[in-house]
Amino acid sequence: MDPRLIVIRGNSGSGKTSIVEEIRAACGRGVAWIEQDYVRRTVFQELAEPDGANIGLIGQMARYALARGFHAVVEGILPTVRYGGMLAELARDHGGHFYYLDIPFEETVRRHATRDKATAFTAEDMADWYRPRDLLEQPRETIIDETSSLEATVQQILQETGLGRPAAEVEVGDDHRLAGGE
């Protein structure tokens, strides 16, 4: 199978990390997780800047992963105003599947309260970062709203990207993984 580019965008607390964790659990090895927050905050210790160094590196990491045969999952808030150009270039060069988690602010705050990093930032911080329906012009994104469960969302992404295998192929010994486990 050719490597797949998957981009998952959405506001803080929308469920991006949980989705990527489940995709990796379903697929096993071979999925590169390119996390915007890690590259921006940990690698560069950057603030949100219009032409931050993290933007180009995220694009390069995705290209490198794809060239090495890994599926690349780019995940983050990835505001259109700063990341839209890089994402459009990735789509032009590699195709891909783009998803936007359209979750109301109140629900993102509720979800955030259940996370391990719930004390890392406040609802007020989240309000400053929140951008309703910050959709890309190109490429078009599949919009997933708050009515889609984690399991349904992961299953949708696995099926649409071709990473999921038909239910008939899942065996009892697969540890309840959605697809491709070891």
N, C-alpha and C. Protein backbone atom coordinates (compact mmCIF):
# COMPACT_ATOMS: atom_id res chain seq x y z
N MET A 1 0.85 -1.18 0.00
CA MET A 1 0.00 0.00 0.00
C MET A 1 0.89 1.24 0.00
N ASP A 2 0.56 2.19 -0.85
CA ASP A 2 1.29 3.45 -0.88
C ASP A 2 1.07 4.20 0.42
N PRO A 3 2.07 4.96 0.87
CA PRO A 3 1.90 5.73 2.11
C PRO A 3 0.82 6.80 1.94
N ARG A 4 0.11 7.03 3.01
CA ARG A 4 -1.01 7.99 3.02
C ARG A 4 -0.65 9.21 3.85
N LEU A 5 -1.09 10.37 3.37
CA LEU A 5 -1.01 11.62 4.14
C LEU A 5 -2.39 11.86 4.74
N ILE A 6 -2.41 12.06 6.05
CA ILE A 6 -3.64 12.37 6.77
C ILE A 6 -3.37 13.63 7.58
N VAL A 7 -4.26 14.59 7.48
CA VAL A 7 -4.15 15.82 8.27
C VAL A 7 -5.40 15.94 9.13
N ILE A 8 -5.18 16.11 10.42
CA ILE A 8 -6.29 16.24 11.37
C ILE A 8 -6.13 17.58 12.09
N ARG A 9 -7.08 18.47 11.81
CA ARG A 9 -7.04 19.81 12.39
C ARG A 9 -8.27 20.05 13.26
N GLY A 10 -8.12 20.94 14.20
CA GLY A 10 -9.24 21.32 15.04
C GLY A 10 -8.74 22.08 16.25
N ASN A 11 -9.67 22.66 16.96
CA ASN A 11 -9.32 23.45 18.13
C ASN A 11 -8.80 22.58 19.26
N SER A 12 -8.14 23.22 20.21
CA SER A 12 -7.65 22.55 21.40
C SER A 12 -8.83 21.86 22.09
N GLY A 13 -8.64 20.59 22.48
CA GLY A 13 -9.68 19.84 23.15
C GLY A 13 -10.70 19.21 22.23
N SER A 14 -10.44 19.23 20.93
CA SER A 14 -11.42 18.68 19.98
C SER A 14 -11.30 17.17 19.79
N GLY A 15 -10.19 16.58 20.22
CA GLY A 15 -10.03 15.13 20.11
C GLY A 15 -8.96 14.67 19.15
N LYS A 16 -8.15 15.57 18.65
CA LYS A 16 -7.13 15.22 17.64
C LYS A 16 -6.15 14.16 18.15
N THR A 17 -5.61 14.37 19.33
CA THR A 17 -4.62 13.44 19.88
C THR A 17 -5.22 12.05 20.08
N SER A 18 -6.42 12.00 20.62
CA SER A 18 -7.07 10.70 20.83
C SER A 18 -7.27 9.96 19.51
N ILE A 19 -7.63 10.68 18.48
CA ILE A 19 -7.83 10.07 17.16
C ILE A 19 -6.52 9.50 16.64
N VAL A 20 -5.44 10.27 16.73
CA VAL A 20 -4.15 9.77 16.22
C VAL A 20 -3.68 8.57 17.03
N GLU A 21 -3.85 8.61 18.34
CA GLU A 21 -3.47 7.46 19.16
C GLU A 21 -4.23 6.21 18.72
N GLU A 22 -5.51 6.34 18.43
CA GLU A 22 -6.32 5.19 17.99
C GLU A 22 -5.93 4.72 16.59
N ILE A 23 -5.60 5.65 15.71
CA ILE A 23 -5.13 5.26 14.37
C ILE A 23 -3.86 4.44 14.48
N ARG A 24 -2.94 4.92 15.30
CA ARG A 24 -1.68 4.18 15.50
C ARG A 24 -1.93 2.82 16.14
N ALA A 25 -2.81 2.76 17.10
CA ALA A 25 -3.12 1.47 17.73
C ALA A 25 -3.72 0.51 16.71
N ALA A 26 -4.54 1.02 15.82
CA ALA A 26 -5.18 0.18 14.81
C ALA A 26 -4.20 -0.29 13.74
N CYS A 27 -3.25 0.56 13.40
CA CYS A 27 -2.36 0.26 12.27
C CYS A 27 -1.03 -0.35 12.69
N GLY A 28 -0.65 -0.20 13.94
CA GLY A 28 0.66 -0.69 14.35
C GLY A 28 1.76 0.22 13.84
N ARG A 29 2.91 -0.36 13.62
CA ARG A 29 4.06 0.43 13.13
C ARG A 29 3.79 0.97 11.74
N GLY A 30 4.54 2.00 11.39
CA GLY A 30 4.43 2.54 10.04
C GLY A 30 3.62 3.80 9.92
N VAL A 31 3.20 4.37 11.07
CA VAL A 31 2.45 5.61 11.06
C VAL A 31 3.27 6.68 11.78
N ALA A 32 3.73 7.68 11.05
CA ALA A 32 4.48 8.79 11.65
C ALA A 32 3.49 9.84 12.14
N TRP A 33 3.60 10.20 13.41
CA TRP A 33 2.73 11.20 14.04
C TRP A 33 3.51 12.50 14.10
N ILE A 34 3.05 13.48 13.34
CA ILE A 34 3.71 14.78 13.28
C ILE A 34 2.81 15.77 13.99
N GLU A 35 3.18 16.06 15.22
CA GLU A 35 2.34 16.85 16.11
C GLU A 35 2.81 18.31 16.13
N GLN A 36 1.93 19.20 15.70
CA GLN A 36 2.25 20.62 15.64
C GLN A 36 2.76 21.15 16.97
N ASP A 37 2.06 20.85 18.06
CA ASP A 37 2.47 21.38 19.37
C ASP A 37 3.90 20.95 19.73
N TYR A 38 4.24 19.70 19.46
CA TYR A 38 5.58 19.22 19.80
C TYR A 38 6.64 19.96 18.99
N VAL A 39 6.41 20.08 17.70
CA VAL A 39 7.40 20.75 16.85
C VAL A 39 7.53 22.22 17.22
N ARG A 40 6.40 22.90 17.42
CA ARG A 40 6.44 24.34 17.72
C ARG A 40 6.97 24.62 19.13
N ARG A 41 6.41 23.91 20.12
CA ARG A 41 6.73 24.24 21.52
C ARG A 41 8.00 23.58 22.02
N THR A 42 8.21 22.31 21.66
CA THR A 42 9.34 21.57 22.21
C THR A 42 10.59 21.72 21.35
N VAL A 43 10.46 21.49 20.05
CA VAL A 43 11.64 21.56 19.19
C VAL A 43 12.15 23.00 19.09
N PHE A 44 11.25 23.95 18.81
CA PHE A 44 11.69 25.33 18.59
C PHE A 44 11.39 26.29 19.73
N GLN A 45 10.56 25.92 20.67
CA GLN A 45 10.10 26.83 21.72
C GLN A 45 9.60 28.14 21.12
N GLU A 46 8.81 28.01 20.07
CA GLU A 46 8.28 29.19 19.36
C GLU A 46 6.92 29.59 19.91
N LEU A 47 6.64 30.88 19.77
CA LEU A 47 5.29 31.37 19.95
C LEU A 47 4.58 31.17 18.61
N ALA A 48 3.29 31.40 18.58
CA ALA A 48 2.54 31.30 17.32
C ALA A 48 2.93 32.49 16.44
N GLU A 49 3.79 32.24 15.47
CA GLU A 49 4.31 33.29 14.61
C GLU A 49 3.86 33.07 13.17
N PRO A 50 3.64 34.16 12.42
CA PRO A 50 3.14 34.02 11.04
C PRO A 50 4.02 33.14 10.14
N ASP A 51 5.32 33.20 10.32
CA ASP A 51 6.21 32.41 9.47
C ASP A 51 7.17 31.61 10.35
N GLY A 52 6.61 30.94 11.35
CA GLY A 52 7.43 30.20 12.30
C GLY A 52 8.21 29.08 11.65
N ALA A 53 9.36 28.77 12.24
CA ALA A 53 10.22 27.70 11.73
C ALA A 53 9.50 26.36 11.75
N ASN A 54 8.58 26.19 12.68
CA ASN A 54 7.88 24.90 12.80
C ASN A 54 7.05 24.58 11.56
N ILE A 55 6.54 25.58 10.89
CA ILE A 55 5.66 25.35 9.73
C ILE A 55 6.40 24.58 8.64
N GLY A 56 7.56 25.06 8.27
CA GLY A 56 8.35 24.37 7.24
C GLY A 56 8.81 23.00 7.69
N LEU A 57 9.19 22.87 8.97
CA LEU A 57 9.65 21.57 9.45
C LEU A 57 8.52 20.55 9.45
N ILE A 58 7.32 20.95 9.82
CA ILE A 58 6.19 20.03 9.79
C ILE A 58 6.00 19.51 8.36
N GLY A 59 6.05 20.41 7.39
CA GLY A 59 5.93 20.00 5.99
C GLY A 59 7.05 19.05 5.57
N GLN A 60 8.28 19.37 5.98
CA GLN A 60 9.42 18.52 5.64
C GLN A 60 9.32 17.15 6.31
N MET A 61 8.87 17.14 7.56
CA MET A 61 8.72 15.86 8.26
C MET A 61 7.68 14.97 7.56
N ALA A 62 6.59 15.56 7.14
CA ALA A 62 5.56 14.79 6.43
C ALA A 62 6.12 14.24 5.13
N ARG A 63 6.81 15.06 4.37
CA ARG A 63 7.40 14.61 3.10
C ARG A 63 8.42 13.50 3.33
N TYR A 64 9.24 13.65 4.35
CA TYR A 64 10.26 12.65 4.65
C TYR A 64 9.62 11.32 5.03
N ALA A 65 8.62 11.39 5.91
CA ALA A 65 7.93 10.17 6.34
C ALA A 65 7.31 9.46 5.14
N LEU A 66 6.63 10.21 4.29
CA LEU A 66 6.01 9.61 3.10
C LEU A 66 7.05 9.00 2.18
N ALA A 67 8.17 9.70 1.98
CA ALA A 67 9.24 9.20 1.10
C ALA A 67 9.86 7.92 1.65
N ARG A 68 9.85 7.76 2.97
CA ARG A 68 10.41 6.56 3.61
C ARG A 68 9.38 5.44 3.77
N GLY A 69 8.19 5.66 3.23
CA GLY A 69 7.17 4.61 3.25
C GLY A 69 6.25 4.61 4.45
N PHE A 70 6.33 5.63 5.28
CA PHE A 70 5.44 5.75 6.43
C PHE A 70 4.17 6.48 6.02
N HIS A 71 3.05 6.12 6.63
CA HIS A 71 1.87 6.97 6.56
C HIS A 71 2.18 8.16 7.46
N ALA A 72 1.83 9.36 7.03
CA ALA A 72 2.12 10.57 7.81
C ALA A 72 0.82 11.18 8.30
N VAL A 73 0.68 11.32 9.62
CA VAL A 73 -0.48 11.97 10.20
C VAL A 73 0.00 13.29 10.81
N VAL A 74 -0.41 14.39 10.19
CA VAL A 74 -0.09 15.73 10.68
C VAL A 74 -1.28 16.17 11.52
N GLU A 75 -1.00 16.56 12.77
CA GLU A 75 -2.08 16.86 13.71
C GLU A 75 -1.80 18.14 14.46
N GLY A 76 -2.83 18.97 14.59
CA GLY A 76 -2.69 20.19 15.37
C GLY A 76 -3.83 21.15 15.11
N ILE A 77 -3.81 22.25 15.83
CA ILE A 77 -4.78 23.31 15.55
C ILE A 77 -4.52 23.80 14.13
N LEU A 78 -3.26 24.00 13.78
CA LEU A 78 -2.84 24.36 12.43
C LEU A 78 -3.71 25.45 11.81
N PRO A 79 -3.73 26.65 12.43
CA PRO A 79 -4.59 27.73 11.92
C PRO A 79 -4.34 28.01 10.43
N THR A 80 -5.42 28.16 9.71
CA THR A 80 -5.36 28.37 8.26
C THR A 80 -4.46 29.55 7.89
N VAL A 81 -4.55 30.62 8.64
CA VAL A 81 -3.79 31.83 8.31
C VAL A 81 -2.28 31.57 8.29
N ARG A 82 -1.79 30.66 9.13
CA ARG A 82 -0.35 30.38 9.17
C ARG A 82 0.03 29.10 8.45
N TYR A 83 -0.78 28.07 8.52
CA TYR A 83 -0.40 26.75 8.01
C TYR A 83 -1.07 26.39 6.68
N GLY A 84 -2.01 27.20 6.23
CA GLY A 84 -2.77 26.89 5.02
C GLY A 84 -1.91 26.70 3.79
N GLY A 85 -0.91 27.54 3.59
CA GLY A 85 -0.04 27.42 2.42
C GLY A 85 0.75 26.13 2.42
N MET A 86 1.33 25.79 3.56
CA MET A 86 2.11 24.55 3.67
C MET A 86 1.22 23.34 3.45
N LEU A 87 0.02 23.36 4.02
CA LEU A 87 -0.90 22.23 3.85
C LEU A 87 -1.37 22.10 2.41
N ALA A 88 -1.59 23.22 1.74
CA ALA A 88 -1.99 23.18 0.32
C ALA A 88 -0.87 22.59 -0.53
N GLU A 89 0.39 22.93 -0.22
CA GLU A 89 1.52 22.35 -0.95
C GLU A 89 1.62 20.85 -0.72
N LEU A 90 1.43 20.41 0.52
CA LEU A 90 1.44 18.97 0.79
C LEU A 90 0.35 18.27 -0.01
N ALA A 91 -0.84 18.86 -0.03
CA ALA A 91 -1.96 18.26 -0.77
C ALA A 91 -1.66 18.21 -2.26
N ARG A 92 -1.09 19.27 -2.79
CA ARG A 92 -0.74 19.32 -4.21
C ARG A 92 0.27 18.23 -4.56
N ASP A 93 1.25 18.04 -3.70
CA ASP A 93 2.33 17.10 -4.00
C ASP A 93 2.04 15.66 -3.60
N HIS A 94 1.17 15.45 -2.62
CA HIS A 94 0.97 14.10 -2.08
C HIS A 94 -0.50 13.68 -1.97
N GLY A 95 -1.41 14.54 -2.41
CA GLY A 95 -2.82 14.19 -2.21
C GLY A 95 -3.13 14.21 -0.74
N GLY A 96 -3.82 13.23 -0.27
CA GLY A 96 -4.05 13.12 1.16
C GLY A 96 -5.51 13.25 1.54
N HIS A 97 -5.72 13.06 2.81
CA HIS A 97 -7.05 13.11 3.40
C HIS A 97 -7.00 14.13 4.53
N PHE A 98 -7.85 15.13 4.44
CA PHE A 98 -7.82 16.25 5.37
C PHE A 98 -9.13 16.27 6.16
N TYR A 99 -8.99 16.38 7.49
CA TYR A 99 -10.15 16.35 8.38
C TYR A 99 -10.12 17.56 9.30
N TYR A 100 -11.29 18.14 9.51
CA TYR A 100 -11.43 19.25 10.44
C TYR A 100 -12.46 18.86 11.50
N LEU A 101 -12.06 18.90 12.76
CA LEU A 101 -12.96 18.57 13.87
C LEU A 101 -13.68 19.85 14.27
N ASP A 102 -14.94 19.93 13.91
CA ASP A 102 -15.77 21.11 14.15
C ASP A 102 -16.55 20.91 15.45
N ILE A 103 -15.90 21.24 16.55
CA ILE A 103 -16.44 20.98 17.88
C ILE A 103 -16.72 22.33 18.57
N PRO A 104 -17.93 22.51 19.12
CA PRO A 104 -18.25 23.77 19.80
C PRO A 104 -17.30 24.03 20.98
N PHE A 105 -17.07 25.29 21.27
CA PHE A 105 -16.14 25.67 22.32
C PHE A 105 -16.47 25.00 23.65
N GLU A 106 -17.72 25.01 24.05
CA GLU A 106 -18.11 24.44 25.34
C GLU A 106 -17.73 22.96 25.42
N GLU A 107 -17.87 22.24 24.32
CA GLU A 107 -17.52 20.82 24.30
C GLU A 107 -16.00 20.64 24.37
N THR A 108 -15.23 21.53 23.73
CA THR A 108 -13.77 21.40 23.82
C THR A 108 -13.31 21.61 25.26
N VAL A 109 -13.94 22.53 25.97
CA VAL A 109 -13.59 22.77 27.38
C VAL A 109 -13.95 21.54 28.21
N ARG A 110 -15.11 20.96 27.97
CA ARG A 110 -15.52 19.75 28.71
C ARG A 110 -14.53 18.62 28.46
N ARG A 111 -14.15 18.42 27.19
CA ARG A 111 -13.21 17.35 26.86
C ARG A 111 -11.84 17.61 27.47
N HIS A 112 -11.41 18.87 27.45
CA HIS A 112 -10.11 19.22 28.01
C HIS A 112 -10.03 18.86 29.49
N ALA A 113 -11.12 19.05 30.21
CA ALA A 113 -11.14 18.78 31.65
C ALA A 113 -10.89 17.30 31.96
N THR A 114 -11.07 16.41 31.00
CA THR A 114 -10.87 14.98 31.21
C THR A 114 -9.46 14.52 30.87
N ARG A 115 -8.62 15.41 30.34
CA ARG A 115 -7.29 15.03 29.88
C ARG A 115 -6.25 15.10 31.00
N ASP A 116 -5.16 14.36 30.79
CA ASP A 116 -4.04 14.41 31.74
C ASP A 116 -3.49 15.82 31.88
N LYS A 117 -3.49 16.58 30.78
CA LYS A 117 -2.92 17.93 30.82
C LYS A 117 -3.98 19.00 31.10
N ALA A 118 -5.02 18.63 31.81
CA ALA A 118 -6.11 19.57 32.10
C ALA A 118 -5.64 20.81 32.86
N THR A 119 -4.59 20.67 33.66
CA THR A 119 -4.10 21.82 34.43
C THR A 119 -3.03 22.62 33.68
N ALA A 120 -2.66 22.17 32.48
CA ALA A 120 -1.60 22.85 31.72
C ALA A 120 -2.06 24.20 31.18
N PHE A 121 -3.36 24.34 30.93
CA PHE A 121 -3.90 25.63 30.48
C PHE A 121 -5.38 25.68 30.83
N THR A 122 -5.91 26.89 30.82
CA THR A 122 -7.28 27.13 31.31
C THR A 122 -8.27 27.27 30.15
N ALA A 123 -9.53 27.29 30.52
CA ALA A 123 -10.59 27.54 29.54
C ALA A 123 -10.42 28.93 28.92
N GLU A 124 -9.91 29.86 29.70
CA GLU A 124 -9.67 31.21 29.17
C GLU A 124 -8.58 31.17 28.10
N ASP A 125 -7.53 30.38 28.34
CA ASP A 125 -6.50 30.21 27.31
C ASP A 125 -7.12 29.61 26.05
N MET A 126 -7.94 28.60 26.24
CA MET A 126 -8.58 27.94 25.10
C MET A 126 -9.46 28.91 24.32
N ALA A 127 -10.14 29.81 25.04
CA ALA A 127 -10.99 30.80 24.38
C ALA A 127 -10.16 31.72 23.49
N ASP A 128 -8.95 32.06 23.94
CA ASP A 128 -8.06 32.90 23.14
C ASP A 128 -7.64 32.20 21.85
N TRP A 129 -7.49 30.88 21.90
CA TRP A 129 -7.01 30.11 20.75
C TRP A 129 -8.13 29.67 19.82
N TYR A 130 -9.36 29.67 20.33
CA TYR A 130 -10.48 29.06 19.60
C TYR A 130 -10.80 29.83 18.32
N ARG A 131 -10.90 29.07 17.22
CA ARG A 131 -11.27 29.63 15.92
C ARG A 131 -12.41 28.77 15.36
N PRO A 132 -13.63 29.28 15.35
CA PRO A 132 -14.74 28.46 14.83
C PRO A 132 -14.61 28.26 13.32
N ARG A 133 -14.78 27.01 12.89
CA ARG A 133 -14.80 26.63 11.46
C ARG A 133 -13.67 27.28 10.66
N ASP A 134 -12.47 27.10 11.13
CA ASP A 134 -11.27 27.63 10.47
C ASP A 134 -10.86 26.68 9.33
N LEU A 135 -11.72 26.60 8.33
CA LEU A 135 -11.54 25.64 7.25
C LEU A 135 -10.55 26.13 6.20
N LEU A 136 -9.84 25.18 5.61
CA LEU A 136 -8.94 25.48 4.50
C LEU A 136 -9.76 25.75 3.24
N GLU A 137 -9.27 26.63 2.38
CA GLU A 137 -9.90 26.80 1.07
C GLU A 137 -9.53 25.62 0.18
N GLN A 138 -8.26 25.28 0.17
CA GLN A 138 -7.76 24.11 -0.57
C GLN A 138 -6.72 23.45 0.28
N PRO A 139 -6.71 22.21 0.44
CA PRO A 139 -7.70 21.26 -0.06
C PRO A 139 -8.96 21.30 0.79
N ARG A 140 -10.03 20.77 0.26
CA ARG A 140 -11.28 20.67 1.02
C ARG A 140 -11.10 19.64 2.13
N GLU A 141 -11.69 19.93 3.26
CA GLU A 141 -11.60 19.04 4.41
C GLU A 141 -12.92 18.32 4.65
N THR A 142 -12.83 17.11 5.16
CA THR A 142 -14.00 16.43 5.66
C THR A 142 -14.26 16.99 7.05
N ILE A 143 -15.46 17.45 7.28
CA ILE A 143 -15.81 18.04 8.57
C ILE A 143 -16.43 16.96 9.45
N ILE A 144 -15.90 16.84 10.65
CA ILE A 144 -16.42 15.89 11.63
C ILE A 144 -16.89 16.70 12.83
N ASP A 145 -18.15 16.52 13.21
CA ASP A 145 -18.69 17.32 14.31
C ASP A 145 -18.77 16.52 15.61
N GLU A 146 -19.30 17.15 16.64
CA GLU A 146 -19.29 16.56 17.98
C GLU A 146 -20.20 15.35 18.10
N THR A 147 -21.06 15.09 17.12
CA THR A 147 -21.95 13.92 17.21
C THR A 147 -21.23 12.63 16.84
N SER A 148 -20.05 12.71 16.25
CA SER A 148 -19.29 11.52 15.88
C SER A 148 -18.44 11.07 17.07
N SER A 149 -18.63 9.84 17.50
CA SER A 149 -17.84 9.31 18.62
C SER A 149 -16.39 9.11 18.18
N LEU A 150 -15.52 8.92 19.16
CA LEU A 150 -14.11 8.64 18.85
C LEU A 150 -14.02 7.41 17.97
N GLU A 151 -14.71 6.35 18.35
CA GLU A 151 -14.65 5.11 17.57
C GLU A 151 -15.16 5.31 16.14
N ALA A 152 -16.27 6.01 15.99
CA ALA A 152 -16.84 6.25 14.66
C ALA A 152 -15.90 7.12 13.82
N THR A 153 -15.31 8.11 14.44
CA THR A 153 -14.38 8.99 13.71
C THR A 153 -13.16 8.22 13.24
N VAL A 154 -12.58 7.43 14.11
CA VAL A 154 -11.40 6.64 13.74
C VAL A 154 -11.76 5.66 12.63
N GLN A 155 -12.88 4.99 12.77
CA GLN A 155 -13.32 4.03 11.75
C GLN A 155 -13.52 4.73 10.40
N GLN A 156 -14.12 5.92 10.42
CA GLN A 156 -14.32 6.69 9.19
C GLN A 156 -12.98 7.02 8.53
N ILE A 157 -12.03 7.49 9.32
CA ILE A 157 -10.72 7.86 8.77
C ILE A 157 -10.01 6.61 8.23
N LEU A 158 -10.04 5.52 8.97
CA LEU A 158 -9.39 4.29 8.50
C LEU A 158 -9.99 3.82 7.18
N GLN A 159 -11.30 3.87 7.07
CA GLN A 159 -11.95 3.42 5.84
C GLN A 159 -11.67 4.36 4.67
N GLU A 160 -11.80 5.67 4.90
CA GLU A 160 -11.62 6.64 3.80
C GLU A 160 -10.18 6.69 3.30
N THR A 161 -9.24 6.42 4.17
CA THR A 161 -7.83 6.48 3.77
C THR A 161 -7.32 5.14 3.24
N GLY A 162 -8.13 4.09 3.40
CA GLY A 162 -7.69 2.77 2.97
C GLY A 162 -6.82 2.06 4.00
N LEU A 163 -6.67 2.62 5.19
CA LEU A 163 -5.85 1.99 6.21
C LEU A 163 -6.60 0.92 6.99
N GLY A 164 -7.92 0.95 6.94
CA GLY A 164 -8.71 -0.06 7.63
C GLY A 164 -8.90 -1.26 6.73
N ARG A 165 -9.00 -2.40 7.33
CA ARG A 165 -9.30 -3.58 6.54
C ARG A 165 -10.76 -3.95 6.79
N PRO A 166 -11.38 -4.60 5.84
CA PRO A 166 -12.78 -4.96 6.01
C PRO A 166 -13.02 -5.76 7.29
N ALA A 167 -14.16 -5.57 7.89
CA ALA A 167 -14.48 -6.24 9.16
C ALA A 167 -14.33 -7.75 9.06
N ALA A 168 -14.61 -8.33 7.91
CA ALA A 168 -14.50 -9.77 7.72
C ALA A 168 -13.07 -10.27 7.93
N GLU A 169 -12.09 -9.40 7.77
CA GLU A 169 -10.69 -9.79 7.92
C GLU A 169 -10.20 -9.70 9.36
N VAL A 170 -10.95 -9.04 10.23
CA VAL A 170 -10.54 -8.88 11.62
C VAL A 170 -10.77 -10.21 12.33
N GLU A 171 -9.75 -10.68 13.00
CA GLU A 171 -9.85 -11.97 13.69
C GLU A 171 -10.00 -11.75 15.18
N VAL A 172 -10.49 -12.76 15.86
CA VAL A 172 -10.71 -12.67 17.30
C VAL A 172 -9.41 -12.33 18.03
N GLY A 173 -8.30 -12.84 17.59
CA GLY A 173 -7.02 -12.62 18.26
C GLY A 173 -6.39 -11.27 17.99
N ASP A 174 -7.11 -10.36 17.38
CA ASP A 174 -6.53 -9.06 17.03
C ASP A 174 -6.58 -8.06 18.16
N ASP A 175 -6.87 -8.50 19.38
CA ASP A 175 -6.88 -7.60 20.55
C ASP A 175 -7.81 -6.41 20.37
N HIS A 176 -8.90 -6.59 19.66
CA HIS A 176 -9.90 -5.56 19.45
C HIS A 176 -9.36 -4.34 18.71
N ARG A 177 -8.29 -4.50 17.99
CA ARG A 177 -7.79 -3.39 17.19
C ARG A 177 -8.65 -3.22 15.97
N LEU A 178 -8.73 -1.99 15.48
CA LEU A 178 -9.58 -1.72 14.33
C LEU A 178 -8.98 -2.26 13.04
N ALA A 179 -7.65 -2.26 12.92
CA ALA A 179 -7.04 -2.76 11.69
C ALA A 179 -5.54 -2.92 11.86
N GLY A 180 -4.98 -3.89 11.16
CA GLY A 180 -3.55 -4.00 10.94
C GLY A 180 -2.65 -4.17 12.15
N GLY A 181 -3.12 -4.60 13.29
CA GLY A 181 -2.26 -4.74 14.46
C GLY A 181 -1.25 -5.85 14.31
N GLU A 182 -0.25 -5.86 15.18
CA GLU A 182 0.80 -6.87 15.14
C GLU A 182 0.32 -8.15 15.78
